[in-house]
Amino acid sequence: MGQSNQQTDGAFDDEKKAADAFDAAIAIDSRFSRVYHEVAGRKLVRSPFDVDQDLRIDRILIPSLALQAAGWLHGPIGVEIKASNLDSLRDSLRNFIPLRKVGSR
């Protein structure tokens, strides 16, 4: 697949261990002013085969003012933490997670 900013890996047995490692790393990263956990969303596109369920994204990172001043123009970053289930990740791409306006530090 080559180098990509959309893929990480590690020796994690399950999603909880992967999420704990991510949280530990992001907690000391000053590029983000806030991290939201388990944010609810809704489907952007529905399939006739969809089953109604609660939709959540694992993390949303809010860029700091310093990161924005350095040229970050893309807004918040959604993070879906998965052990290995790519089908679940593909499903996440069809979801919408609303963000209310929040302050940055």
PDB file of N, CA and C in Angstrom:
ATOM      1  N   MET A   1       0.832  -1.201   0.000  1.00  0.00           N
ATOM      2  CA  MET A   1       0.000   0.000   0.000  1.00  0.00           C
ATOM      3  C   MET A   1       0.863   1.246   0.000  1.00  0.00           C
ATOM      4  N   GLY A   2       2.119   1.139   0.358  1.00  0.00           N
ATOM      5  CA  GLY A   2       2.977   2.314   0.374  1.00  0.00           C
ATOM      6  C   GLY A   2       2.762   3.159   1.609  1.00  0.00           C
ATOM      7  N   GLN A   3       3.453   4.267   1.669  1.00  0.00           N
ATOM      8  CA  GLN A   3       3.306   5.138   2.829  1.00  0.00           C
ATOM      9  C   GLN A   3       2.014   5.929   2.728  1.00  0.00           C
ATOM     10  N   SER A   4       1.352   6.053   3.843  1.00  0.00           N
ATOM     11  CA  SER A   4       0.070   6.738   3.878  1.00  0.00           C
ATOM     12  C   SER A   4      -0.150   7.307   5.264  1.00  0.00           C
ATOM     13  N   ASN A   5      -0.812   8.447   5.353  1.00  0.00           N
ATOM     14  CA  ASN A   5      -1.171   8.995   6.652  1.00  0.00           C
ATOM     15  C   ASN A   5      -2.516   8.452   7.110  1.00  0.00           C
ATOM     16  N   GLN A   6      -3.046   7.470   6.407  1.00  0.00           N
ATOM     17  CA  GLN A   6      -4.345   6.909   6.745  1.00  0.00           C
ATOM     18  C   GLN A   6      -4.218   5.511   7.325  1.00  0.00           C
ATOM     19  N   GLN A   7      -3.011   5.087   7.653  1.00  0.00           N
ATOM     20  CA  GLN A   7      -2.829   3.733   8.148  1.00  0.00           C
ATOM     21  C   GLN A   7      -1.770   3.730   9.235  1.00  0.00           C
ATOM     22  N   THR A   8      -2.046   3.054  10.290  1.00  0.00           N
ATOM     23  CA  THR A   8      -1.050   2.823  11.329  1.00  0.00           C
ATOM     24  C   THR A   8      -1.103   1.351  11.682  1.00  0.00           C
ATOM     25  N   ASP A   9      -0.086   0.888  12.342  1.00  0.00           N
ATOM     26  CA  ASP A   9      -0.122  -0.503  12.755  1.00  0.00           C
ATOM     27  C   ASP A   9       0.646  -0.667  14.053  1.00  0.00           C
ATOM     28  N   GLY A  10       0.494  -1.814  14.643  1.00  0.00           N
ATOM     29  CA  GLY A  10       1.156  -2.111  15.896  1.00  0.00           C
ATOM     30  C   GLY A  10       0.766  -3.487  16.374  1.00  0.00           C
ATOM     31  N   ALA A  11       1.361  -3.896  17.437  1.00  0.00           N
ATOM     32  CA  ALA A  11       1.105  -5.233  17.979  1.00  0.00           C
ATOM     33  C   ALA A  11      -0.035  -5.171  18.998  1.00  0.00           C
ATOM     34  N   PHE A  12      -1.232  -4.872  18.533  1.00  0.00           N
ATOM     35  CA  PHE A  12      -2.390  -4.747  19.413  1.00  0.00           C
ATOM     36  C   PHE A  12      -3.291  -5.954  19.238  1.00  0.00           C
ATOM     37  N   ASP A  13      -3.671  -6.565  20.346  1.00  0.00           N
ATOM     38  CA  ASP A  13      -4.535  -7.741  20.300  1.00  0.00           C
ATOM     39  C   ASP A  13      -5.983  -7.391  19.993  1.00  0.00           C
ATOM     40  N   ASP A  14      -6.382  -6.173  20.351  1.00  0.00           N
ATOM     41  CA  ASP A  14      -7.769  -5.783  20.137  1.00  0.00           C
ATOM     42  C   ASP A  14      -7.866  -4.265  20.028  1.00  0.00           C
ATOM     43  N   GLU A  15      -9.068  -3.801  19.726  1.00  0.00           N
ATOM     44  CA  GLU A  15      -9.270  -2.370  19.527  1.00  0.00           C
ATOM     45  C   GLU A  15      -9.050  -1.561  20.798  1.00  0.00           C
ATOM     46  N   LYS A  16      -9.376  -2.106  21.946  1.00  0.00           N
ATOM     47  CA  LYS A  16      -9.177  -1.370  23.202  1.00  0.00           C
ATOM     48  C   LYS A  16      -7.698  -1.070  23.420  1.00  0.00           C
ATOM     49  N   LYS A  17      -6.842  -2.041  23.184  1.00  0.00           N
ATOM     50  CA  LYS A  17      -5.401  -1.816  23.354  1.00  0.00           C
ATOM     51  C   LYS A  17      -4.891  -0.804  22.328  1.00  0.00           C
ATOM     52  N   ALA A  18      -5.400  -0.887  21.114  1.00  0.00           N
ATOM     53  CA  ALA A  18      -5.018   0.081  20.087  1.00  0.00           C
ATOM     54  C   ALA A  18      -5.496   1.483  20.467  1.00  0.00           C
ATOM     55  N   ALA A  19      -6.726   1.587  20.978  1.00  0.00           N
ATOM     56  CA  ALA A  19      -7.276   2.884  21.388  1.00  0.00           C
ATOM     57  C   ALA A  19      -6.499   3.455  22.569  1.00  0.00           C
ATOM     58  N   ASP A  20      -6.132   2.604  23.518  1.00  0.00           N
ATOM     59  CA  ASP A  20      -5.344   3.076  24.671  1.00  0.00           C
ATOM     60  C   ASP A  20      -3.990   3.623  24.223  1.00  0.00           C
ATOM     61  N   ALA A  21      -3.353   2.939  23.281  1.00  0.00           N
ATOM     62  CA  ALA A  21      -2.059   3.407  22.763  1.00  0.00           C
ATOM     63  C   ALA A  21      -2.228   4.730  22.014  1.00  0.00           C
ATOM     64  N   PHE A  22      -3.291   4.840  21.227  1.00  0.00           N
ATOM     65  CA  PHE A  22      -3.563   6.077  20.505  1.00  0.00           C
ATOM     66  C   PHE A  22      -3.792   7.226  21.483  1.00  0.00           C
ATOM     67  N   ASP A  23      -4.619   6.980  22.500  1.00  0.00           N
ATOM     68  CA  ASP A  23      -4.920   8.019  23.484  1.00  0.00           C
ATOM     69  C   ASP A  23      -3.664   8.482  24.219  1.00  0.00           C
ATOM     70  N   ALA A  24      -2.784   7.551  24.546  1.00  0.00           N
ATOM     71  CA  ALA A  24      -1.538   7.916  25.234  1.00  0.00           C
ATOM     72  C   ALA A  24      -0.668   8.788  24.330  1.00  0.00           C
ATOM     73  N   ALA A  25      -0.606   8.448  23.060  1.00  0.00           N
ATOM     74  CA  ALA A  25       0.217   9.230  22.124  1.00  0.00           C
ATOM     75  C   ALA A  25      -0.381  10.609  21.869  1.00  0.00           C
ATOM     76  N   ILE A  26      -1.688  10.683  21.689  1.00  0.00           N
ATOM     77  CA  ILE A  26      -2.326  11.958  21.352  1.00  0.00           C
ATOM     78  C   ILE A  26      -2.390  12.893  22.556  1.00  0.00           C
ATOM     79  N   ALA A  27      -2.363  12.339  23.765  1.00  0.00           N
ATOM     80  CA  ALA A  27      -2.431  13.157  24.983  1.00  0.00           C
ATOM     81  C   ALA A  27      -1.223  14.072  25.121  1.00  0.00           C
ATOM     82  N   ILE A  28      -0.101  13.695  24.547  1.00  0.00           N
ATOM     83  CA  ILE A  28       1.122  14.514  24.658  1.00  0.00           C
ATOM     84  C   ILE A  28       1.417  15.282  23.371  1.00  0.00           C
ATOM     85  N   ASP A  29       0.475  15.265  22.438  1.00  0.00           N
ATOM     86  CA  ASP A  29       0.659  15.938  21.147  1.00  0.00           C
ATOM     87  C   ASP A  29      -0.008  17.311  21.197  1.00  0.00           C
ATOM     88  N   SER A  30       0.783  18.358  21.181  1.00  0.00           N
ATOM     89  CA  SER A  30       0.251  19.719  21.316  1.00  0.00           C
ATOM     90  C   SER A  30      -0.403  20.245  20.037  1.00  0.00           C
ATOM     91  N   ARG A  31      -0.370  19.484  18.964  1.00  0.00           N
ATOM     92  CA  ARG A  31      -0.984  19.948  17.717  1.00  0.00           C
ATOM     93  C   ARG A  31      -2.505  19.938  17.771  1.00  0.00           C
ATOM     94  N   PHE A  32      -3.052  19.278  18.801  1.00  0.00           N
ATOM     95  CA  PHE A  32      -4.506  19.183  18.905  1.00  0.00           C
ATOM     96  C   PHE A  32      -4.965  19.778  20.216  1.00  0.00           C
ATOM     97  N   SER A  33      -5.937  20.673  20.123  1.00  0.00           N
ATOM     98  CA  SER A  33      -6.399  21.375  21.315  1.00  0.00           C
ATOM     99  C   SER A  33      -7.431  20.572  22.092  1.00  0.00           C
ATOM    100  N   ARG A  34      -8.075  19.634  21.412  1.00  0.00           N
ATOM    101  CA  ARG A  34      -9.121  18.853  22.073  1.00  0.00           C
ATOM    102  C   ARG A  34      -9.305  17.535  21.347  1.00  0.00           C
ATOM    103  N   VAL A  35      -9.673  16.525  22.112  1.00  0.00           N
ATOM    104  CA  VAL A  35      -9.971  15.210  21.544  1.00  0.00           C
ATOM    105  C   VAL A  35     -11.341  14.787  22.053  1.00  0.00           C
ATOM    106  N   TYR A  36     -12.248  14.494  21.139  1.00  0.00           N
ATOM    107  CA  TYR A  36     -13.567  13.979  21.501  1.00  0.00           C
ATOM    108  C   TYR A  36     -13.553  12.459  21.334  1.00  0.00           C
ATOM    109  N   HIS A  37     -14.173  11.754  22.279  1.00  0.00           N
ATOM    110  CA  HIS A  37     -14.220  10.298  22.269  1.00  0.00           C
ATOM    111  C   HIS A  37     -15.629   9.819  21.961  1.00  0.00           C
ATOM    112  N   GLU A  38     -15.732   8.801  21.131  1.00  0.00           N
ATOM    113  CA  GLU A  38     -17.005   8.128  20.860  1.00  0.00           C
ATOM    114  C   GLU A  38     -18.126   9.129  20.517  1.00  0.00           C
ATOM    115  N   VAL A  39     -17.961   9.815  19.401  1.00  0.00           N
ATOM    116  CA  VAL A  39     -18.910  10.851  18.986  1.00  0.00           C
ATOM    117  C   VAL A  39     -19.998  10.239  18.106  1.00  0.00           C
ATOM    118  N   ALA A  40     -21.245  10.522  18.442  1.00  0.00           N
ATOM    119  CA  ALA A  40     -22.388   9.974  17.696  1.00  0.00           C
ATOM    120  C   ALA A  40     -22.534  10.653  16.343  1.00  0.00           C
ATOM    121  N   GLY A  41     -23.029   9.902  15.374  1.00  0.00           N
ATOM    122  CA  GLY A  41     -23.249  10.438  14.033  1.00  0.00           C
ATOM    123  C   GLY A  41     -24.477   9.818  13.397  1.00  0.00           C
ATOM    124  N   ARG A  42     -24.621  10.036  12.080  1.00  0.00           N
ATOM    125  CA  ARG A  42     -25.750   9.457  11.341  1.00  0.00           C
ATOM    126  C   ARG A  42     -25.281   9.106   9.936  1.00  0.00           C
ATOM    127  N   LYS A  43     -26.009   8.253   9.268  1.00  0.00           N
ATOM    128  CA  LYS A  43     -25.661   7.809   7.912  1.00  0.00           C
ATOM    129  C   LYS A  43     -25.821   8.961   6.923  1.00  0.00           C
ATOM    130  N   LEU A  44     -24.853   9.117   6.048  1.00  0.00           N
ATOM    131  CA  LEU A  44     -24.980  10.046   4.924  1.00  0.00           C
ATOM    132  C   LEU A  44     -25.690   9.359   3.766  1.00  0.00           C
ATOM    133  N   VAL A  45     -25.369   8.097   3.563  1.00  0.00           N
ATOM    134  CA  VAL A  45     -25.932   7.314   2.475  1.00  0.00           C
ATOM    135  C   VAL A  45     -26.513   6.042   3.079  1.00  0.00           C
ATOM    136  N   ARG A  46     -27.730   5.748   2.720  1.00  0.00           N
ATOM    137  CA  ARG A  46     -28.362   4.521   3.245  1.00  0.00           C
ATOM    138  C   ARG A  46     -28.431   3.479   2.141  1.00  0.00           C
ATOM    139  N   SER A  47     -28.238   2.260   2.540  1.00  0.00           N
ATOM    140  CA  SER A  47     -28.366   1.117   1.649  1.00  0.00           C
ATOM    141  C   SER A  47     -29.637   0.374   2.047  1.00  0.00           C
ATOM    142  N   PRO A  48     -30.293  -0.301   1.115  1.00  0.00           N
ATOM    143  CA  PRO A  48     -31.473  -1.077   1.486  1.00  0.00           C
ATOM    144  C   PRO A  48     -31.140  -2.214   2.459  1.00  0.00           C
ATOM    145  N   PHE A  49     -29.870  -2.529   2.583  1.00  0.00           N
ATOM    146  CA  PHE A  49     -29.435  -3.617   3.458  1.00  0.00           C
ATOM    147  C   PHE A  49     -28.972  -3.126   4.822  1.00  0.00           C
ATOM    148  N   ASP A  50     -29.004  -1.818   5.043  1.00  0.00           N
ATOM    149  CA  ASP A  50     -28.554  -1.262   6.321  1.00  0.00           C
ATOM    150  C   ASP A  50     -29.449  -1.698   7.469  1.00  0.00           C
ATOM    151  N   VAL A  51     -28.818  -1.940   8.584  1.00  0.00           N
ATOM    152  CA  VAL A  51     -29.528  -2.238   9.826  1.00  0.00           C
ATOM    153  C   VAL A  51     -29.407  -1.000  10.696  1.00  0.00           C
ATOM    154  N   ASP A  52     -30.515  -0.544  11.266  1.00  0.00           N
ATOM    155  CA  ASP A  52     -30.457   0.628  12.138  1.00  0.00           C
ATOM    156  C   ASP A  52     -29.591   0.321  13.348  1.00  0.00           C
ATOM    157  N   GLN A  53     -28.669   1.228  13.617  1.00  0.00           N
ATOM    158  CA  GLN A  53     -27.782   1.064  14.765  1.00  0.00           C
ATOM    159  C   GLN A  53     -27.228   2.424  15.155  1.00  0.00           C
ATOM    160  N   ASP A  54     -26.731   2.507  16.374  1.00  0.00           N
ATOM    161  CA  ASP A  54     -26.063   3.730  16.801  1.00  0.00           C
ATOM    162  C   ASP A  54     -24.735   3.823  16.068  1.00  0.00           C
ATOM    163  N   LEU A  55     -24.435   4.992  15.522  1.00  0.00           N
ATOM    164  CA  LEU A  55     -23.188   5.197  14.805  1.00  0.00           C
ATOM    165  C   LEU A  55     -22.282   6.099  15.624  1.00  0.00           C
ATOM    166  N   ARG A  56     -21.034   5.726  15.713  1.00  0.00           N
ATOM    167  CA  ARG A  56     -20.054   6.506  16.470  1.00  0.00           C
ATOM    168  C   ARG A  56     -18.718   6.459  15.761  1.00  0.00           C
ATOM    169  N   ILE A  57     -17.965   7.527  15.894  1.00  0.00           N
ATOM    170  CA  ILE A  57     -16.576   7.533  15.449  1.00  0.00           C
ATOM    171  C   ILE A  57     -15.724   7.539  16.719  1.00  0.00           C
ATOM    172  N   ASP A  58     -14.614   6.832  16.678  1.00  0.00           N
ATOM    173  CA  ASP A  58     -13.818   6.638  17.890  1.00  0.00           C
ATOM    174  C   ASP A  58     -13.244   7.934  18.450  1.00  0.00           C
ATOM    175  N   ARG A  59     -12.644   8.751  17.619  1.00  0.00           N
ATOM    176  CA  ARG A  59     -12.038  10.001  18.098  1.00  0.00           C
ATOM    177  C   ARG A  59     -12.211  11.094  17.046  1.00  0.00           C
ATOM    178  N   ILE A  60     -12.363  12.318  17.510  1.00  0.00           N
ATOM    179  CA  ILE A  60     -12.275  13.497  16.645  1.00  0.00           C
ATOM    180  C   ILE A  60     -11.233  14.409  17.273  1.00  0.00           C
ATOM    181  N   LEU A  61     -10.239  14.772  16.474  1.00  0.00           N
ATOM    182  CA  LEU A  61      -9.157  15.641  16.929  1.00  0.00           C
ATOM    183  C   LEU A  61      -9.419  17.049  16.422  1.00  0.00           C
ATOM    184  N   ILE A  62      -9.357  18.015  17.317  1.00  0.00           N
ATOM    185  CA  ILE A  62      -9.541  19.418  16.952  1.00  0.00           C
ATOM    186  C   ILE A  62      -8.163  20.055  16.858  1.00  0.00           C
ATOM    187  N   PRO A  63      -7.797  20.572  15.679  1.00  0.00           N
ATOM    188  CA  PRO A  63      -6.470  21.178  15.533  1.00  0.00           C
ATOM    189  C   PRO A  63      -6.322  22.428  16.396  1.00  0.00           C
ATOM    190  N   SER A  64      -5.137  22.593  16.967  1.00  0.00           N
ATOM    191  CA  SER A  64      -4.854  23.773  17.788  1.00  0.00           C
ATOM    192  C   SER A  64      -4.728  25.006  16.895  1.00  0.00           C
ATOM    193  N   LEU A  65      -4.794  26.169  17.525  1.00  0.00           N
ATOM    194  CA  LEU A  65      -4.580  27.411  16.766  1.00  0.00           C
ATOM    195  C   LEU A  65      -3.189  27.433  16.156  1.00  0.00           C
ATOM    196  N   ALA A  66      -2.206  26.885  16.870  1.00  0.00           N
ATOM    197  CA  ALA A  66      -0.834  26.836  16.348  1.00  0.00           C
ATOM    198  C   ALA A  66      -0.767  25.984  15.075  1.00  0.00           C
ATOM    199  N   LEU A  67      -1.450  24.865  15.066  1.00  0.00           N
ATOM    200  CA  LEU A  67      -1.468  24.010  13.875  1.00  0.00           C
ATOM    201  C   LEU A  67      -2.172  24.717  12.719  1.00  0.00           C
ATOM    202  N   GLN A  68      -3.250  25.411  13.020  1.00  0.00           N
ATOM    203  CA  GLN A  68      -3.950  26.167  11.978  1.00  0.00           C
ATOM    204  C   GLN A  68      -3.070  27.293  11.442  1.00  0.00           C
ATOM    205  N   ALA A  69      -2.356  27.978  12.338  1.00  0.00           N
ATOM    206  CA  ALA A  69      -1.460  29.060  11.920  1.00  0.00           C
ATOM    207  C   ALA A  69      -0.305  28.528  11.067  1.00  0.00           C
ATOM    208  N   ALA A  70       0.065  27.283  11.292  1.00  0.00           N
ATOM    209  CA  ALA A  70       1.143  26.664  10.517  1.00  0.00           C
ATOM    210  C   ALA A  70       0.658  26.219   9.141  1.00  0.00           C
ATOM    211  N   GLY A  71      -0.655  26.359   8.883  1.00  0.00           N
ATOM    212  CA  GLY A  71      -1.168  26.055   7.555  1.00  0.00           C
ATOM    213  C   GLY A  71      -2.185  24.932   7.466  1.00  0.00           C
ATOM    214  N   TRP A  72      -2.572  24.340   8.591  1.00  0.00           N
ATOM    215  CA  TRP A  72      -3.583  23.284   8.533  1.00  0.00           C
ATOM    216  C   TRP A  72      -4.922  23.892   8.153  1.00  0.00           C
ATOM    217  N   LEU A  73      -5.473  23.483   7.033  1.00  0.00           N
ATOM    218  CA  LEU A  73      -6.703  24.065   6.515  1.00  0.00           C
ATOM    219  C   LEU A  73      -7.872  23.085   6.472  1.00  0.00           C
ATOM    220  N   HIS A  74      -7.659  21.874   6.937  1.00  0.00           N
ATOM    221  CA  HIS A  74      -8.629  20.805   6.713  1.00  0.00           C
ATOM    222  C   HIS A  74      -9.641  20.609   7.831  1.00  0.00           C
ATOM    223  N   GLY A  75      -9.543  21.351   8.919  1.00  0.00           N
ATOM    224  CA  GLY A  75     -10.512  21.218   9.996  1.00  0.00           C
ATOM    225  C   GLY A  75     -10.248  20.005  10.872  1.00  0.00           C
ATOM    226  N   PRO A  76     -11.275  19.555  11.593  1.00  0.00           N
ATOM    227  CA  PRO A  76     -11.128  18.423  12.507  1.00  0.00           C
ATOM    228  C   PRO A  76     -10.758  17.133  11.773  1.00  0.00           C
ATOM    229  N   ILE A  77     -10.172  16.209  12.516  1.00  0.00           N
ATOM    230  CA  ILE A  77      -9.728  14.937  11.962  1.00  0.00           C
ATOM    231  C   ILE A  77     -10.496  13.812  12.653  1.00  0.00           C
ATOM    232  N   GLY A  78     -11.162  12.988  11.882  1.00  0.00           N
ATOM    233  CA  GLY A  78     -11.870  11.833  12.418  1.00  0.00           C
ATOM    234  C   GLY A  78     -10.952  10.625  12.441  1.00  0.00           C
ATOM    235  N   VAL A  79     -10.964   9.905  13.548  1.00  0.00           N
ATOM    236  CA  VAL A  79     -10.118   8.717  13.694  1.00  0.00           C
ATOM    237  C   VAL A  79     -11.002   7.524  14.033  1.00  0.00           C
ATOM    238  N   GLU A  80     -10.923   6.508  13.215  1.00  0.00           N
ATOM    239  CA  GLU A  80     -11.631   5.261  13.470  1.00  0.00           C
ATOM    240  C   GLU A  80     -10.572   4.216  13.797  1.00  0.00           C
ATOM    241  N   ILE A  81     -10.615   3.696  14.999  1.00  0.00           N
ATOM    242  CA  ILE A  81      -9.612   2.740  15.466  1.00  0.00           C
ATOM    243  C   ILE A  81     -10.160   1.340  15.245  1.00  0.00           C
ATOM    244  N   LYS A  82      -9.437   0.552  14.462  1.00  0.00           N
ATOM    245  CA  LYS A  82      -9.877  -0.799  14.134  1.00  0.00           C
ATOM    246  C   LYS A  82      -8.732  -1.778  14.340  1.00  0.00           C
ATOM    247  N   ALA A  83      -9.069  -2.964  14.824  1.00  0.00           N
ATOM    248  CA  ALA A  83      -8.068  -4.011  14.958  1.00  0.00           C
ATOM    249  C   ALA A  83      -7.731  -4.569  13.577  1.00  0.00           C
ATOM    250  N   SER A  84      -8.743  -4.977  12.813  1.00  0.00           N
ATOM    251  CA  SER A  84      -8.475  -5.503  11.478  1.00  0.00           C
ATOM    252  C   SER A  84      -9.700  -5.585  10.580  1.00  0.00           C
ATOM    253  N   ASN A  85     -10.836  -5.144  11.025  1.00  0.00           N
ATOM    254  CA  ASN A  85     -12.072  -5.314  10.277  1.00  0.00           C
ATOM    255  C   ASN A  85     -12.266  -4.184   9.270  1.00  0.00           C
ATOM    256  N   LEU A  86     -11.787  -4.384   8.051  1.00  0.00           N
ATOM    257  CA  LEU A  86     -11.868  -3.335   7.034  1.00  0.00           C
ATOM    258  C   LEU A  86     -13.300  -3.075   6.580  1.00  0.00           C
ATOM    259  N   ASP A  87     -14.168  -4.086   6.640  1.00  0.00           N
ATOM    260  CA  ASP A  87     -15.570  -3.852   6.273  1.00  0.00           C
ATOM    261  C   ASP A  87     -16.199  -2.809   7.183  1.00  0.00           C
ATOM    262  N   SER A  88     -15.896  -2.887   8.478  1.00  0.00           N
ATOM    263  CA  SER A  88     -16.427  -1.915   9.423  1.00  0.00           C
ATOM    264  C   SER A  88     -15.881  -0.525   9.123  1.00  0.00           C
ATOM    265  N   LEU A  89     -14.615  -0.447   8.742  1.00  0.00           N
ATOM    266  CA  LEU A  89     -14.015   0.841   8.388  1.00  0.00           C
ATOM    267  C   LEU A  89     -14.685   1.415   7.145  1.00  0.00           C
ATOM    268  N   ARG A  90     -14.936   0.593   6.150  1.00  0.00           N
ATOM    269  CA  ARG A  90     -15.618   1.070   4.941  1.00  0.00           C
ATOM    270  C   ARG A  90     -17.006   1.610   5.287  1.00  0.00           C
ATOM    271  N   ASP A  91     -17.715   0.936   6.174  1.00  0.00           N
ATOM    272  CA  ASP A  91     -19.019   1.422   6.597  1.00  0.00           C
ATOM    273  C   ASP A  91     -18.911   2.796   7.234  1.00  0.00           C
ATOM    274  N   SER A  92     -17.841   3.032   7.982  1.00  0.00           N
ATOM    275  CA  SER A  92     -17.662   4.308   8.662  1.00  0.00           C
ATOM    276  C   SER A  92     -17.524   5.462   7.685  1.00  0.00           C
ATOM    277  N   LEU A  93     -17.050   5.199   6.486  1.00  0.00           N
ATOM    278  CA  LEU A  93     -16.865   6.257   5.503  1.00  0.00           C
ATOM    279  C   LEU A  93     -18.188   6.818   5.008  1.00  0.00           C
ATOM    280  N   ARG A  94     -19.276   6.106   5.244  1.00  0.00           N
ATOM    281  CA  ARG A  94     -20.591   6.572   4.805  1.00  0.00           C
ATOM    282  C   ARG A  94     -21.344   7.291   5.906  1.00  0.00           C
ATOM    283  N   ASN A  95     -20.696   7.619   6.986  1.00  0.00           N
ATOM    284  CA  ASN A  95     -21.357   8.237   8.131  1.00  0.00           C
ATOM    285  C   ASN A  95     -20.989   9.709   8.248  1.00  0.00           C
ATOM    286  N   PHE A  96     -21.831  10.444   8.920  1.00  0.00           N
ATOM    287  CA  PHE A  96     -21.616  11.869   9.150  1.00  0.00           C
ATOM    288  C   PHE A  96     -21.586  12.105  10.647  1.00  0.00           C
ATOM    289  N   ILE A  97     -20.566  12.786  11.110  1.00  0.00           N
ATOM    290  CA  ILE A  97     -20.439  13.108  12.521  1.00  0.00           C
ATOM    291  C   ILE A  97     -20.534  14.628  12.650  1.00  0.00           C
ATOM    292  N   PRO A  98     -21.640  15.147  13.187  1.00  0.00           N
ATOM    293  CA  PRO A  98     -21.785  16.602  13.281  1.00  0.00           C
ATOM    294  C   PRO A  98     -20.890  17.174  14.384  1.00  0.00           C
ATOM    295  N   LEU A  99     -20.289  18.308  14.121  1.00  0.00           N
ATOM    296  CA  LEU A  99     -19.472  19.006  15.108  1.00  0.00           C
ATOM    297  C   LEU A  99     -20.075  20.364  15.371  1.00  0.00           C
ATOM    298  N   ARG A 100     -20.243  20.677  16.632  1.00  0.00           N
ATOM    299  CA  ARG A 100     -20.650  22.037  16.952  1.00  0.00           C
ATOM    300  C   ARG A 100     -19.375  22.879  17.022  1.00  0.00           C
ATOM    301  N   LYS A 101     -19.502  24.148  16.926  1.00  0.00           N
ATOM    302  CA  LYS A 101     -18.327  25.021  16.972  1.00  0.00           C
ATOM    303  C   LYS A 101     -17.704  24.935  18.364  1.00  0.00           C
ATOM    304  N   VAL A 102     -16.416  24.665  18.389  1.00  0.00           N
ATOM    305  CA  VAL A 102     -15.707  24.540  19.657  1.00  0.00           C
ATOM    306  C   VAL A 102     -14.480  25.445  19.626  1.00  0.00           C
ATOM    307  N   GLY A 103     -14.041  25.849  20.775  1.00  0.00           N
ATOM    308  CA  GLY A 103     -12.854  26.689  20.864  1.00  0.00           C
ATOM    309  C   GLY A 103     -11.591  25.864  20.728  1.00  0.00           C
ATOM    310  N   SER A 104     -10.528  26.515  20.328  1.00  0.00           N
ATOM    311  CA  SER A 104      -9.211  25.886  20.229  1.00  0.00           C
ATOM    312  C   SER A 104      -8.258  26.609  21.145  1.00  0.00           C
ATOM    313  N   ARG A 105      -7.228  25.922  21.552  1.00  0.00           N
ATOM    314  CA  ARG A 105      -6.233  26.604  22.363  1.00  0.00           C
ATOM    315  C   ARG A 105      -5.001  26.898  21.551  1.00  0.00           C
TER     316      ARG A 105
END
